[in-house]
Amino acid sequence: MVFGRVDRWRLPTAIKILVAGGFGAGKTTLVGAVSETRPLHTEEALTQVGAHIDDLSGVEAKLTTTVAMDFGRITIRDDYMLYLFGTPGQERFWFVWDELAMGALGAVVLADTRKLADCFPAVDYFEKRGQPFVVALNCFDGTRPFTVGEVRQAIGLEPDVPIVRCDARKRDSGREVLITLVEHAMRRGAEPVGTMS
């Protein structure tokens, strides 16, 4: 009987995590660094048409931008898969966030301390949804190292929201950020937001 054989299969549990933040904060880089598979990117070239919309301050060398999402995967065990969805950072693409956030356990808000205000919309978004999140300070070369307390005060974060330093280019650093998020979500007893019960 076909259905009898289905009972013996064990389907993996999928854990969905978002990687959000401002334009040029390193979301695509983080997803690419930690993904065990070749990540899916929806990168498009920056053009003169968007020059009056896109603020390239601090990221003048940036040539592309994510227009829909980045996607990567990590196998935790045979029965647990972590799926990463990187959100687009520019305001004109934020309409995609609601779809990407559906069913997510939580989010990493990647922050660039050169442009800290760019992470405010992501922080506000996840606070309003009641979705667990951590703030990851992407340590760009040559940036002033702010203390966690200074960043917490500048963003206006609650004391229970973790802030961690990371280098989005390094797999181990990105994995530590993801572990921090999953542990934070578990402490809060979080269930994926927006799933059907």
C-alpha atoms as a PDB file:
ATOM      1  CA  MET A   1       0.000   0.000   0.000  1.00  0.00           C
ATOM      2  CA  VAL A   2       1.451   3.365  -1.048  1.00  0.00           C
ATOM      3  CA  PHE A   3       0.290   5.255   2.057  1.00  0.00           C
ATOM      4  CA  GLY A   4       1.882   2.626   4.318  1.00  0.00           C
ATOM      5  CA  ARG A   5       5.260   3.414   2.772  1.00  0.00           C
ATOM      6  CA  VAL A   6       4.711   7.156   3.287  1.00  0.00           C
ATOM      7  CA  ASP A   7       4.400   6.542   7.041  1.00  0.00           C
ATOM      8  CA  ARG A   8       7.981   5.264   7.090  1.00  0.00           C
ATOM      9  CA  TRP A   9       9.381   8.417   5.497  1.00  0.00           C
ATOM     10  CA  ARG A  10      10.498  11.156   7.794  1.00  0.00           C
ATOM     11  CA  LEU A  11      10.232  14.555   6.208  1.00  0.00           C
ATOM     12  CA  PRO A  12      12.728  17.169   7.412  1.00  0.00           C
ATOM     13  CA  THR A  13      11.568  20.000   9.618  1.00  0.00           C
ATOM     14  CA  ALA A  14      12.067  23.305   7.819  1.00  0.00           C
ATOM     15  CA  ILE A  15      13.114  26.340   9.845  1.00  0.00           C
ATOM     16  CA  LYS A  16      12.774  29.623   7.988  1.00  0.00           C
ATOM     17  CA  ILE A  17      14.878  32.645   8.934  1.00  0.00           C
ATOM     18  CA  LEU A  18      14.970  36.095   7.361  1.00  0.00           C
ATOM     19  CA  VAL A  19      18.060  38.219   6.905  1.00  0.00           C
ATOM     20  CA  ALA A  20      16.981  41.855   6.731  1.00  0.00           C
ATOM     21  CA  GLY A  21      18.525  45.284   7.017  1.00  0.00           C
ATOM     22  CA  GLY A  22      19.392  48.370   5.058  1.00  0.00           C
ATOM     23  CA  PHE A  23      20.724  48.740   1.543  1.00  0.00           C
ATOM     24  CA  GLY A  24      24.318  47.506   1.338  1.00  0.00           C
ATOM     25  CA  ALA A  25      24.441  46.100   4.895  1.00  0.00           C
ATOM     26  CA  GLY A  26      25.729  42.699   3.718  1.00  0.00           C
ATOM     27  CA  LYS A  27      22.600  40.533   3.546  1.00  0.00           C
ATOM     28  CA  THR A  28      23.487  38.857   0.246  1.00  0.00           C
ATOM     29  CA  THR A  29      27.035  38.297   1.477  1.00  0.00           C
ATOM     30  CA  LEU A  30      25.843  36.678   4.734  1.00  0.00           C
ATOM     31  CA  VAL A  31      23.413  34.320   2.988  1.00  0.00           C
ATOM     32  CA  GLY A  32      26.108  33.344   0.499  1.00  0.00           C
ATOM     33  CA  ALA A  33      28.734  32.794   3.200  1.00  0.00           C
ATOM     34  CA  VAL A  34      26.672  30.396   5.333  1.00  0.00           C
ATOM     35  CA  SER A  35      24.675  28.528   2.680  1.00  0.00           C
ATOM     36  CA  GLU A  36      25.847  24.982   1.989  1.00  0.00           C
ATOM     37  CA  THR A  37      24.327  25.158  -1.480  1.00  0.00           C
ATOM     38  CA  ARG A  38      24.947  27.721  -4.160  1.00  0.00           C
ATOM     39  CA  PRO A  39      22.661  30.539  -3.029  1.00  0.00           C
ATOM     40  CA  LEU A  40      19.934  31.971  -5.208  1.00  0.00           C
ATOM     41  CA  HIS A  41      20.348  35.711  -5.728  1.00  0.00           C
ATOM     42  CA  THR A  42      18.032  38.156  -7.456  1.00  0.00           C
ATOM     43  CA  GLU A  43      20.699  40.779  -8.024  1.00  0.00           C
ATOM     44  CA  GLU A  44      20.282  43.468 -10.638  1.00  0.00           C
ATOM     45  CA  ALA A  45      22.694  46.179 -11.702  1.00  0.00           C
ATOM     46  CA  LEU A  46      22.277  49.626 -10.204  1.00  0.00           C
ATOM     47  CA  THR A  47      21.410  52.096 -12.941  1.00  0.00           C
ATOM     48  CA  GLN A  48      21.303  55.839 -13.454  1.00  0.00           C
ATOM     49  CA  VAL A  49      17.491  55.634 -13.289  1.00  0.00           C
ATOM     50  CA  GLY A  50      17.712  54.758  -9.589  1.00  0.00           C
ATOM     51  CA  ALA A  51      20.511  57.209  -8.812  1.00  0.00           C
ATOM     52  CA  HIS A  52      18.124  59.758  -7.291  1.00  0.00           C
ATOM     53  CA  ILE A  53      16.462  57.038  -5.153  1.00  0.00           C
ATOM     54  CA  ASP A  54      19.381  54.905  -3.942  1.00  0.00           C
ATOM     55  CA  ASP A  55      21.592  56.389  -1.242  1.00  0.00           C
ATOM     56  CA  LEU A  56      25.074  55.042  -1.973  1.00  0.00           C
ATOM     57  CA  SER A  57      26.700  56.852   0.964  1.00  0.00           C
ATOM     58  CA  GLY A  58      29.243  54.468   2.447  1.00  0.00           C
ATOM     59  CA  VAL A  59      28.693  51.883  -0.308  1.00  0.00           C
ATOM     60  CA  GLU A  60      29.816  53.861  -3.345  1.00  0.00           C
ATOM     61  CA  ALA A  61      31.473  50.787  -4.897  1.00  0.00           C
ATOM     62  CA  LYS A  62      28.219  48.785  -4.829  1.00  0.00           C
ATOM     63  CA  LEU A  63      27.183  47.816  -8.361  1.00  0.00           C
ATOM     64  CA  THR A  64      24.154  45.550  -7.766  1.00  0.00           C
ATOM     65  CA  THR A  65      21.125  45.312  -5.521  1.00  0.00           C
ATOM     66  CA  THR A  66      18.715  42.570  -4.451  1.00  0.00           C
ATOM     67  CA  VAL A  67      15.301  43.123  -6.017  1.00  0.00           C
ATOM     68  CA  ALA A  68      13.350  40.161  -4.609  1.00  0.00           C
ATOM     69  CA  MET A  69      15.310  37.900  -2.261  1.00  0.00           C
ATOM     70  CA  ASP A  70      18.382  35.825  -1.596  1.00  0.00           C
ATOM     71  CA  PHE A  71      17.938  32.168  -0.674  1.00  0.00           C
ATOM     72  CA  GLY A  72      20.271  29.710   0.995  1.00  0.00           C
ATOM     73  CA  ARG A  73      20.084  26.436   2.898  1.00  0.00           C
ATOM     74  CA  ILE A  74      21.895  24.833   5.821  1.00  0.00           C
ATOM     75  CA  THR A  75      21.434  21.228   6.941  1.00  0.00           C
ATOM     76  CA  ILE A  76      21.519  21.076  10.718  1.00  0.00           C
ATOM     77  CA  ARG A  77      20.804  17.340  10.890  1.00  0.00           C
ATOM     78  CA  ASP A  78      19.155  14.931   8.487  1.00  0.00           C
ATOM     79  CA  ASP A  79      15.792  15.943   9.903  1.00  0.00           C
ATOM     80  CA  TYR A  80      16.353  19.722  10.292  1.00  0.00           C
ATOM     81  CA  MET A  81      16.887  22.183   7.455  1.00  0.00           C
ATOM     82  CA  LEU A  82      17.456  25.892   7.909  1.00  0.00           C
ATOM     83  CA  TYR A  83      16.230  28.048   5.020  1.00  0.00           C
ATOM     84  CA  LEU A  84      17.549  31.597   4.776  1.00  0.00           C
ATOM     85  CA  PHE A  85      15.698  34.344   2.958  1.00  0.00           C
ATOM     86  CA  GLY A  86      17.520  37.624   2.461  1.00  0.00           C
ATOM     87  CA  THR A  87      15.186  40.578   2.012  1.00  0.00           C
ATOM     88  CA  PRO A  88      15.741  43.474  -0.376  1.00  0.00           C
ATOM     89  CA  GLY A  89      17.054  46.527   1.468  1.00  0.00           C
ATOM     90  CA  GLN A  90      15.623  49.370  -0.583  1.00  0.00           C
ATOM     91  CA  GLU A  91      12.282  50.845   0.403  1.00  0.00           C
ATOM     92  CA  ARG A  92      10.735  50.402  -3.028  1.00  0.00           C
ATOM     93  CA  PHE A  93      11.085  46.601  -2.652  1.00  0.00           C
ATOM     94  CA  TRP A  94       9.754  46.331   0.929  1.00  0.00           C
ATOM     95  CA  PHE A  95       6.386  45.037  -0.312  1.00  0.00           C
ATOM     96  CA  VAL A  96       8.140  41.644  -0.645  1.00  0.00           C
ATOM     97  CA  TRP A  97       8.846  41.450   3.099  1.00  0.00           C
ATOM     98  CA  ASP A  98       5.359  40.320   4.160  1.00  0.00           C
ATOM     99  CA  GLU A  99       5.506  37.297   1.878  1.00  0.00           C
ATOM    100  CA  LEU A 100       9.047  36.418   2.902  1.00  0.00           C
ATOM    101  CA  ALA A 101       8.241  36.792   6.622  1.00  0.00           C
ATOM    102  CA  MET A 102       5.286  34.386   6.441  1.00  0.00           C
ATOM    103  CA  GLY A 103       6.138  31.320   8.537  1.00  0.00           C
ATOM    104  CA  ALA A 104       9.561  32.575   9.657  1.00  0.00           C
ATOM    105  CA  LEU A 105      10.869  31.643  13.096  1.00  0.00           C
ATOM    106  CA  GLY A 106      12.698  34.954  13.339  1.00  0.00           C
ATOM    107  CA  ALA A 107      15.063  37.379  11.678  1.00  0.00           C
ATOM    108  CA  VAL A 108      18.597  38.659  11.657  1.00  0.00           C
ATOM    109  CA  VAL A 109      18.677  42.431  11.242  1.00  0.00           C
ATOM    110  CA  LEU A 110      22.064  43.164   9.717  1.00  0.00           C
ATOM    111  CA  ALA A 111      23.309  46.630  10.641  1.00  0.00           C
ATOM    112  CA  ASP A 112      26.065  48.730   9.149  1.00  0.00           C
ATOM    113  CA  THR A 113      27.313  51.103  11.870  1.00  0.00           C
ATOM    114  CA  ARG A 114      28.316  53.627   9.178  1.00  0.00           C
ATOM    115  CA  LYS A 115      24.590  53.968   8.379  1.00  0.00           C
ATOM    116  CA  LEU A 116      22.883  52.677  11.519  1.00  0.00           C
ATOM    117  CA  ALA A 117      19.605  54.449  10.771  1.00  0.00           C
ATOM    118  CA  ASP A 118      19.170  52.179   7.730  1.00  0.00           C
ATOM    119  CA  CYS A 119      18.338  49.247  10.031  1.00  0.00           C
ATOM    120  CA  PHE A 120      15.529  51.130  11.854  1.00  0.00           C
ATOM    121  CA  PRO A 121      12.775  50.089   9.400  1.00  0.00           C
ATOM    122  CA  ALA A 122      13.693  46.398   9.788  1.00  0.00           C
ATOM    123  CA  VAL A 123      13.752  46.666  13.586  1.00  0.00           C
ATOM    124  CA  ASP A 124      10.344  48.411  13.535  1.00  0.00           C
ATOM    125  CA  TYR A 125       8.948  45.803  11.161  1.00  0.00           C
ATOM    126  CA  PHE A 126       9.854  42.816  13.337  1.00  0.00           C
ATOM    127  CA  GLU A 127       8.853  44.561  16.564  1.00  0.00           C
ATOM    128  CA  LYS A 128       5.381  45.274  15.129  1.00  0.00           C
ATOM    129  CA  ARG A 129       5.024  41.644  13.970  1.00  0.00           C
ATOM    130  CA  GLY A 130       6.113  40.345  17.369  1.00  0.00           C
ATOM    131  CA  GLN A 131       8.719  38.254  15.577  1.00  0.00           C
ATOM    132  CA  PRO A 132      11.966  37.404  17.389  1.00  0.00           C
ATOM    133  CA  PHE A 133      15.041  39.052  15.917  1.00  0.00           C
ATOM    134  CA  VAL A 134      18.661  39.779  16.685  1.00  0.00           C
ATOM    135  CA  VAL A 135      20.746  42.699  15.504  1.00  0.00           C
ATOM    136  CA  ALA A 136      24.055  41.706  13.903  1.00  0.00           C
ATOM    137  CA  LEU A 137      26.608  44.483  13.573  1.00  0.00           C
ATOM    138  CA  ASN A 138      28.471  43.811  10.351  1.00  0.00           C
ATOM    139  CA  CYS A 139      32.064  44.828  11.022  1.00  0.00           C
ATOM    140  CA  PHE A 140      33.172  46.649   7.907  1.00  0.00           C
ATOM    141  CA  ASP A 141      36.865  47.453   7.572  1.00  0.00           C
ATOM    142  CA  GLY A 142      37.794  50.877   8.900  1.00  0.00           C
ATOM    143  CA  THR A 143      34.561  51.532  10.797  1.00  0.00           C
ATOM    144  CA  ARG A 144      34.510  52.906  14.320  1.00  0.00           C
ATOM    145  CA  PRO A 145      33.689  50.102  16.764  1.00  0.00           C
ATOM    146  CA  PHE A 146      30.646  51.227  18.743  1.00  0.00           C
ATOM    147  CA  THR A 147      29.836  49.436  21.982  1.00  0.00           C
ATOM    148  CA  VAL A 148      26.771  47.207  22.147  1.00  0.00           C
ATOM    149  CA  GLY A 149      25.317  49.651  24.688  1.00  0.00           C
ATOM    150  CA  GLU A 150      25.757  52.589  22.311  1.00  0.00           C
ATOM    151  CA  VAL A 151      24.071  50.674  19.494  1.00  0.00           C
ATOM    152  CA  ARG A 152      21.212  49.494  21.741  1.00  0.00           C
ATOM    153  CA  GLN A 153      20.560  53.070  22.828  1.00  0.00           C
ATOM    154  CA  ALA A 154      20.799  54.459  19.285  1.00  0.00           C
ATOM    155  CA  ILE A 155      18.315  51.898  17.948  1.00  0.00           C
ATOM    156  CA  GLY A 156      16.086  51.990  21.041  1.00  0.00           C
ATOM    157  CA  LEU A 157      16.155  48.207  21.502  1.00  0.00           C
ATOM    158  CA  GLU A 158      14.622  46.382  24.423  1.00  0.00           C
ATOM    159  CA  PRO A 159      17.202  44.785  26.750  1.00  0.00           C
ATOM    160  CA  ASP A 160      16.221  41.226  25.756  1.00  0.00           C
ATOM    161  CA  VAL A 161      17.018  41.692  22.029  1.00  0.00           C
ATOM    162  CA  PRO A 162      20.513  40.276  21.397  1.00  0.00           C
ATOM    163  CA  ILE A 163      23.111  42.376  19.606  1.00  0.00           C
ATOM    164  CA  VAL A 164      26.121  40.534  18.191  1.00  0.00           C
ATOM    165  CA  ARG A 165      29.113  41.518  16.108  1.00  0.00           C
ATOM    166  CA  CYS A 166      29.770  39.642  12.894  1.00  0.00           C
ATOM    167  CA  ASP A 167      31.696  39.582   9.669  1.00  0.00           C
ATOM    168  CA  ALA A 168      29.133  38.698   6.995  1.00  0.00           C
ATOM    169  CA  ARG A 169      31.913  37.370   4.746  1.00  0.00           C
ATOM    170  CA  LYS A 170      32.869  34.594   7.179  1.00  0.00           C
ATOM    171  CA  ARG A 171      30.863  31.388   7.484  1.00  0.00           C
ATOM    172  CA  ASP A 172      31.655  30.783  11.168  1.00  0.00           C
ATOM    173  CA  SER A 173      30.695  34.330  12.090  1.00  0.00           C
ATOM    174  CA  GLY A 174      27.389  34.054  10.206  1.00  0.00           C
ATOM    175  CA  ARG A 175      26.631  30.701  11.822  1.00  0.00           C
ATOM    176  CA  GLU A 176      27.146  32.221  15.301  1.00  0.00           C
ATOM    177  CA  VAL A 177      24.607  34.920  14.427  1.00  0.00           C
ATOM    178  CA  LEU A 178      22.081  32.277  13.323  1.00  0.00           C
ATOM    179  CA  ILE A 179      22.649  30.225  16.485  1.00  0.00           C
ATOM    180  CA  THR A 180      22.069  33.346  18.588  1.00  0.00           C
ATOM    181  CA  LEU A 181      18.778  33.972  16.767  1.00  0.00           C
ATOM    182  CA  VAL A 182      17.504  30.393  17.135  1.00  0.00           C
ATOM    183  CA  GLU A 183      18.404  30.355  20.849  1.00  0.00           C
ATOM    184  CA  HIS A 184      16.677  33.726  21.327  1.00  0.00           C
ATOM    185  CA  ALA A 185      13.538  32.497  19.534  1.00  0.00           C
ATOM    186  CA  MET A 186      13.504  29.308  21.628  1.00  0.00           C
ATOM    187  CA  ARG A 187      13.809  31.294  24.881  1.00  0.00           C
ATOM    188  CA  ARG A 188      10.799  33.319  23.811  1.00  0.00           C
ATOM    189  CA  GLY A 189       8.890  30.139  22.963  1.00  0.00           C
ATOM    190  CA  ALA A 190       8.419  31.507  19.479  1.00  0.00           C
ATOM    191  CA  GLU A 191       6.414  29.830  16.778  1.00  0.00           C
ATOM    192  CA  PRO A 192       6.675  30.893  13.163  1.00  0.00           C
ATOM    193  CA  VAL A 193       4.591  34.024  12.605  1.00  0.00           C
ATOM    194  CA  GLY A 194       1.836  33.871  10.026  1.00  0.00           C
ATOM    195  CA  THR A 195       1.491  30.113   9.764  1.00  0.00           C
ATOM    196  CA  MET A 196      -1.867  28.425   9.703  1.00  0.00           C
ATOM    197  CA  SER A 197      -2.776  26.531  12.868  1.00  0.00           C
END
